[in-house]
């Protein structure tokens, strides 16, 4: 009988620890909130994520590459990585934004002052501002298959090509 109680107590302890761990880990959206960022920065359809609490480095996995629509179209690769800091994401990889029919890698995202209602996307050649209200909830994301991609879309995994496109845009604008 004592052995049965011990096993029951041990099972209850393990269940409590598992519940506490999942509550502490939460979702990637919970992590965004803790870092002062809106939850709509990542789309629906996240299958897995990890966050290193010591460094803030994270990895988000989606079911497939997809596009979401805010003021402009934003592309999410199968995997998105970066570093969370309060009010910003740095070293971002796996996210591109469309501007003037061109795609630019989003290198970072920041909210300077939440009361300003503005969020900034660093796309290398410019700092694109959006209304924070666009990112209040995770957007639906439309799957993008490789053969469905726009033939003019730069290879998101080729930083040299992306840099070349950015330089051409700067020349055209100057």
C-alpha atoms as a PDB file:
ATOM      1  CA  UNK A   1       0.000   0.000   0.000  1.00  0.00           C
ATOM      2  CA  UNK A   2       2.844   2.438   0.841  1.00  0.00           C
ATOM      3  CA  UNK A   3       4.484   1.662  -2.465  1.00  0.00           C
ATOM      4  CA  UNK A   4       1.215   2.553  -4.253  1.00  0.00           C
ATOM      5  CA  UNK A   5       1.054   5.927  -2.425  1.00  0.00           C
ATOM      6  CA  UNK A   6       4.673   6.637  -3.239  1.00  0.00           C
ATOM      7  CA  UNK A   7       4.065   5.953  -6.943  1.00  0.00           C
ATOM      8  CA  UNK A   8       0.941   8.128  -6.873  1.00  0.00           C
ATOM      9  CA  UNK A   9       2.846  10.971  -5.170  1.00  0.00           C
ATOM     10  CA  UNK A  10       5.689  10.636  -7.662  1.00  0.00           C
ATOM     11  CA  UNK A  11       3.263  10.723 -10.609  1.00  0.00           C
ATOM     12  CA  UNK A  12       1.560  13.826  -9.177  1.00  0.00           C
ATOM     13  CA  UNK A  13       4.945  15.525  -8.710  1.00  0.00           C
ATOM     14  CA  UNK A  14       5.994  14.729 -12.286  1.00  0.00           C
ATOM     15  CA  UNK A  15       2.677  16.031 -13.641  1.00  0.00           C
ATOM     16  CA  UNK A  16       3.057  19.251 -11.621  1.00  0.00           C
ATOM     17  CA  UNK A  17       6.628  19.739 -12.885  1.00  0.00           C
ATOM     18  CA  UNK A  18       5.557  19.140 -16.495  1.00  0.00           C
ATOM     19  CA  UNK A  19       2.698  21.646 -16.130  1.00  0.00           C
ATOM     20  CA  UNK A  20       5.020  24.239 -14.553  1.00  0.00           C
ATOM     21  CA  UNK A  21       7.587  23.754 -17.333  1.00  0.00           C
ATOM     22  CA  UNK A  22       5.049  24.126 -20.142  1.00  0.00           C
ATOM     23  CA  UNK A  23       3.566  27.187 -18.410  1.00  0.00           C
ATOM     24  CA  UNK A  24       7.046  28.726 -18.075  1.00  0.00           C
ATOM     25  CA  UNK A  25       7.937  27.905 -21.686  1.00  0.00           C
ATOM     26  CA  UNK A  26       4.547  28.861 -23.082  1.00  0.00           C
ATOM     27  CA  UNK A  27       4.480  29.635 -26.783  1.00  0.00           C
ATOM     28  CA  UNK A  28       6.676  31.787 -28.974  1.00  0.00           C
ATOM     29  CA  UNK A  29       3.885  34.360 -28.771  1.00  0.00           C
ATOM     30  CA  UNK A  30       4.281  34.395 -24.963  1.00  0.00           C
ATOM     31  CA  UNK A  31       8.006  35.039 -25.418  1.00  0.00           C
ATOM     32  CA  UNK A  32       7.269  37.926 -27.765  1.00  0.00           C
ATOM     33  CA  UNK A  33       4.966  39.482 -25.139  1.00  0.00           C
ATOM     34  CA  UNK A  34       7.607  39.063 -22.410  1.00  0.00           C
ATOM     35  CA  UNK A  35      10.062  40.941 -24.619  1.00  0.00           C
ATOM     36  CA  UNK A  36       7.637  43.805 -25.259  1.00  0.00           C
ATOM     37  CA  UNK A  37       6.863  42.761 -28.839  1.00  0.00           C
ATOM     38  CA  UNK A  38       3.498  42.195 -30.537  1.00  0.00           C
ATOM     39  CA  UNK A  39       2.448  38.569 -31.061  1.00  0.00           C
ATOM     40  CA  UNK A  40       1.540  39.145 -34.711  1.00  0.00           C
ATOM     41  CA  UNK A  41       5.183  39.254 -35.789  1.00  0.00           C
ATOM     42  CA  UNK A  42       4.990  35.507 -36.396  1.00  0.00           C
ATOM     43  CA  UNK A  43       2.204  33.889 -38.404  1.00  0.00           C
ATOM     44  CA  UNK A  44      -0.087  31.050 -37.483  1.00  0.00           C
ATOM     45  CA  UNK A  45       1.278  27.609 -38.339  1.00  0.00           C
ATOM     46  CA  UNK A  46       4.342  27.415 -36.097  1.00  0.00           C
ATOM     47  CA  UNK A  47       5.163  23.757 -35.554  1.00  0.00           C
ATOM     48  CA  UNK A  48       8.139  24.130 -33.226  1.00  0.00           C
ATOM     49  CA  UNK A  49      10.261  26.782 -31.559  1.00  0.00           C
ATOM     50  CA  UNK A  50      13.142  27.128 -29.150  1.00  0.00           C
ATOM     51  CA  UNK A  51      14.481  30.078 -27.185  1.00  0.00           C
ATOM     52  CA  UNK A  52      17.786  30.135 -25.337  1.00  0.00           C
ATOM     53  CA  UNK A  53      16.947  32.035 -22.127  1.00  0.00           C
ATOM     54  CA  UNK A  54      20.598  33.007 -21.584  1.00  0.00           C
ATOM     55  CA  UNK A  55      21.166  34.621 -24.996  1.00  0.00           C
ATOM     56  CA  UNK A  56      17.668  35.267 -26.369  1.00  0.00           C
ATOM     57  CA  UNK A  57      18.527  33.369 -29.547  1.00  0.00           C
ATOM     58  CA  UNK A  58      15.485  31.674 -31.026  1.00  0.00           C
ATOM     59  CA  UNK A  59      14.423  29.396 -33.836  1.00  0.00           C
ATOM     60  CA  UNK A  60      10.874  29.141 -35.163  1.00  0.00           C
ATOM     61  CA  UNK A  61       9.777  26.380 -37.542  1.00  0.00           C
ATOM     62  CA  UNK A  62       6.731  26.621 -39.791  1.00  0.00           C
ATOM     63  CA  UNK A  63       4.924  23.840 -41.616  1.00  0.00           C
ATOM     64  CA  UNK A  64       6.064  25.382 -44.920  1.00  0.00           C
ATOM     65  CA  UNK A  65       7.298  28.712 -46.313  1.00  0.00           C
ATOM     66  CA  UNK A  66       4.446  31.201 -46.497  1.00  0.00           C
ATOM     67  CA  UNK A  67       3.411  34.798 -47.134  1.00  0.00           C
ATOM     68  CA  UNK A  68       1.349  37.034 -44.853  1.00  0.00           C
ATOM     69  CA  UNK A  69      -0.183  40.378 -45.721  1.00  0.00           C
ATOM     70  CA  UNK A  70       0.142  43.474 -43.563  1.00  0.00           C
ATOM     71  CA  UNK A  71       0.506  46.821 -45.392  1.00  0.00           C
ATOM     72  CA  UNK A  72       2.983  44.938 -47.587  1.00  0.00           C
ATOM     73  CA  UNK A  73       3.546  41.253 -48.143  1.00  0.00           C
ATOM     74  CA  UNK A  74       5.941  39.481 -45.776  1.00  0.00           C
ATOM     75  CA  UNK A  75       7.545  36.125 -46.554  1.00  0.00           C
ATOM     76  CA  UNK A  76       8.493  33.607 -43.855  1.00  0.00           C
ATOM     77  CA  UNK A  77      10.950  30.827 -44.696  1.00  0.00           C
ATOM     78  CA  UNK A  78      10.501  27.341 -43.272  1.00  0.00           C
ATOM     79  CA  UNK A  79      12.815  28.355 -40.387  1.00  0.00           C
ATOM     80  CA  UNK A  80      13.180  31.800 -38.852  1.00  0.00           C
ATOM     81  CA  UNK A  81      16.010  32.657 -36.462  1.00  0.00           C
ATOM     82  CA  UNK A  82      17.130  35.712 -34.542  1.00  0.00           C
ATOM     83  CA  UNK A  83      17.856  37.129 -31.116  1.00  0.00           C
ATOM     84  CA  UNK A  84      15.188  38.471 -28.777  1.00  0.00           C
ATOM     85  CA  UNK A  85      15.981  41.536 -26.697  1.00  0.00           C
ATOM     86  CA  UNK A  86      13.464  43.722 -24.950  1.00  0.00           C
ATOM     87  CA  UNK A  87      11.578  45.655 -27.631  1.00  0.00           C
ATOM     88  CA  UNK A  88      13.489  44.183 -30.553  1.00  0.00           C
ATOM     89  CA  UNK A  89      14.584  41.202 -32.616  1.00  0.00           C
ATOM     90  CA  UNK A  90      18.124  41.368 -33.958  1.00  0.00           C
ATOM     91  CA  UNK A  91      20.073  39.168 -36.343  1.00  0.00           C
ATOM     92  CA  UNK A  92      16.830  38.129 -37.993  1.00  0.00           C
ATOM     93  CA  UNK A  93      17.008  35.533 -40.739  1.00  0.00           C
ATOM     94  CA  UNK A  94      14.214  33.870 -42.708  1.00  0.00           C
ATOM     95  CA  UNK A  95      11.897  36.873 -43.118  1.00  0.00           C
ATOM     96  CA  UNK A  96      11.619  39.055 -46.250  1.00  0.00           C
ATOM     97  CA  UNK A  97       9.387  42.053 -46.961  1.00  0.00           C
ATOM     98  CA  UNK A  98       8.145  43.228 -50.335  1.00  0.00           C
ATOM     99  CA  UNK A  99       8.544  46.879 -51.238  1.00  0.00           C
ATOM    100  CA  UNK A 100       8.007  48.366 -54.696  1.00  0.00           C
ATOM    101  CA  UNK A 101       7.831  44.881 -56.290  1.00  0.00           C
ATOM    102  CA  UNK A 102      11.189  43.921 -54.772  1.00  0.00           C
ATOM    103  CA  UNK A 103      11.907  41.614 -51.850  1.00  0.00           C
ATOM    104  CA  UNK A 104      14.278  42.662 -49.069  1.00  0.00           C
ATOM    105  CA  UNK A 105      15.505  40.563 -46.143  1.00  0.00           C
ATOM    106  CA  UNK A 106      14.271  41.879 -42.811  1.00  0.00           C
ATOM    107  CA  UNK A 107      17.377  42.100 -40.629  1.00  0.00           C
ATOM    108  CA  UNK A 108      15.752  43.338 -37.461  1.00  0.00           C
ATOM    109  CA  UNK A 109      12.508  44.531 -35.901  1.00  0.00           C
ATOM    110  CA  UNK A 110      12.134  47.022 -33.060  1.00  0.00           C
ATOM    111  CA  UNK A 111       9.568  48.892 -31.028  1.00  0.00           C
ATOM    112  CA  UNK A 112      11.241  52.012 -29.628  1.00  0.00           C
ATOM    113  CA  UNK A 113       8.359  53.374 -27.585  1.00  0.00           C
ATOM    114  CA  UNK A 114       5.245  51.186 -27.390  1.00  0.00           C
ATOM    115  CA  UNK A 115       3.021  54.240 -26.842  1.00  0.00           C
ATOM    116  CA  UNK A 116       4.155  55.603 -30.230  1.00  0.00           C
ATOM    117  CA  UNK A 117       2.129  52.881 -31.954  1.00  0.00           C
ATOM    118  CA  UNK A 118       4.976  52.329 -34.447  1.00  0.00           C
ATOM    119  CA  UNK A 119       7.129  49.291 -35.179  1.00  0.00           C
ATOM    120  CA  UNK A 120      10.301  49.464 -37.316  1.00  0.00           C
ATOM    121  CA  UNK A 121      11.519  46.847 -39.795  1.00  0.00           C
ATOM    122  CA  UNK A 122      15.193  47.119 -40.755  1.00  0.00           C
ATOM    123  CA  UNK A 123      15.437  46.023 -44.402  1.00  0.00           C
ATOM    124  CA  UNK A 124      19.012  47.130 -44.900  1.00  0.00           C
ATOM    125  CA  UNK A 125      18.447  50.024 -47.292  1.00  0.00           C
ATOM    126  CA  UNK A 126      15.754  51.614 -45.160  1.00  0.00           C
ATOM    127  CA  UNK A 127      13.896  51.537 -41.905  1.00  0.00           C
ATOM    128  CA  UNK A 128      10.283  50.706 -42.769  1.00  0.00           C
ATOM    129  CA  UNK A 129       7.675  51.842 -40.219  1.00  0.00           C
ATOM    130  CA  UNK A 130       4.339  50.133 -39.663  1.00  0.00           C
ATOM    131  CA  UNK A 131       1.476  50.648 -37.277  1.00  0.00           C
ATOM    132  CA  UNK A 132       1.753  48.361 -34.250  1.00  0.00           C
ATOM    133  CA  UNK A 133      -1.955  47.632 -34.603  1.00  0.00           C
ATOM    134  CA  UNK A 134      -1.190  45.546 -37.725  1.00  0.00           C
ATOM    135  CA  UNK A 135       0.620  43.035 -35.511  1.00  0.00           C
ATOM    136  CA  UNK A 136      -1.919  42.548 -32.710  1.00  0.00           C
ATOM    137  CA  UNK A 137      -2.621  38.924 -33.617  1.00  0.00           C
ATOM    138  CA  UNK A 138      -0.779  36.231 -35.602  1.00  0.00           C
ATOM    139  CA  UNK A 139      -1.715  36.539 -39.275  1.00  0.00           C
ATOM    140  CA  UNK A 140      -2.870  33.777 -41.566  1.00  0.00           C
ATOM    141  CA  UNK A 141      -0.042  32.730 -43.819  1.00  0.00           C
ATOM    142  CA  UNK A 142      -0.545  31.477 -47.376  1.00  0.00           C
ATOM    143  CA  UNK A 143       1.720  28.592 -48.333  1.00  0.00           C
ATOM    144  CA  UNK A 144       4.333  29.308 -50.982  1.00  0.00           C
ATOM    145  CA  UNK A 145       5.608  26.383 -53.004  1.00  0.00           C
ATOM    146  CA  UNK A 146       8.949  26.727 -54.791  1.00  0.00           C
ATOM    147  CA  UNK A 147       7.317  26.469 -58.221  1.00  0.00           C
ATOM    148  CA  UNK A 148       4.768  29.149 -57.220  1.00  0.00           C
ATOM    149  CA  UNK A 149       7.480  31.685 -56.395  1.00  0.00           C
ATOM    150  CA  UNK A 150       7.718  34.847 -58.417  1.00  0.00           C
ATOM    151  CA  UNK A 151      10.576  34.364 -60.931  1.00  0.00           C
ATOM    152  CA  UNK A 152      11.757  37.903 -60.119  1.00  0.00           C
ATOM    153  CA  UNK A 153      11.952  37.126 -56.411  1.00  0.00           C
ATOM    154  CA  UNK A 154      15.582  37.156 -55.248  1.00  0.00           C
ATOM    155  CA  UNK A 155      16.920  34.003 -53.677  1.00  0.00           C
ATOM    156  CA  UNK A 156      16.277  34.679 -50.000  1.00  0.00           C
ATOM    157  CA  UNK A 157      19.227  32.505 -49.054  1.00  0.00           C
ATOM    158  CA  UNK A 158      21.692  34.480 -51.162  1.00  0.00           C
ATOM    159  CA  UNK A 159      22.775  37.606 -49.248  1.00  0.00           C
ATOM    160  CA  UNK A 160      24.991  38.745 -52.153  1.00  0.00           C
ATOM    161  CA  UNK A 161      22.056  38.783 -54.555  1.00  0.00           C
ATOM    162  CA  UNK A 162      19.941  40.624 -51.993  1.00  0.00           C
ATOM    163  CA  UNK A 163      22.720  43.182 -51.457  1.00  0.00           C
ATOM    164  CA  UNK A 164      22.995  43.615 -55.236  1.00  0.00           C
ATOM    165  CA  UNK A 165      19.254  44.315 -55.475  1.00  0.00           C
ATOM    166  CA  UNK A 166      19.472  46.825 -52.600  1.00  0.00           C
ATOM    167  CA  UNK A 167      22.377  48.661 -54.268  1.00  0.00           C
ATOM    168  CA  UNK A 168      20.415  48.884 -57.535  1.00  0.00           C
ATOM    169  CA  UNK A 169      17.393  50.298 -55.708  1.00  0.00           C
ATOM    170  CA  UNK A 170      19.568  52.911 -54.010  1.00  0.00           C
ATOM    171  CA  UNK A 171      21.062  53.923 -57.362  1.00  0.00           C
ATOM    172  CA  UNK A 172      17.612  54.163 -58.923  1.00  0.00           C
ATOM    173  CA  UNK A 173      16.257  56.282 -56.060  1.00  0.00           C
ATOM    174  CA  UNK A 174      19.288  58.638 -55.882  1.00  0.00           C
END
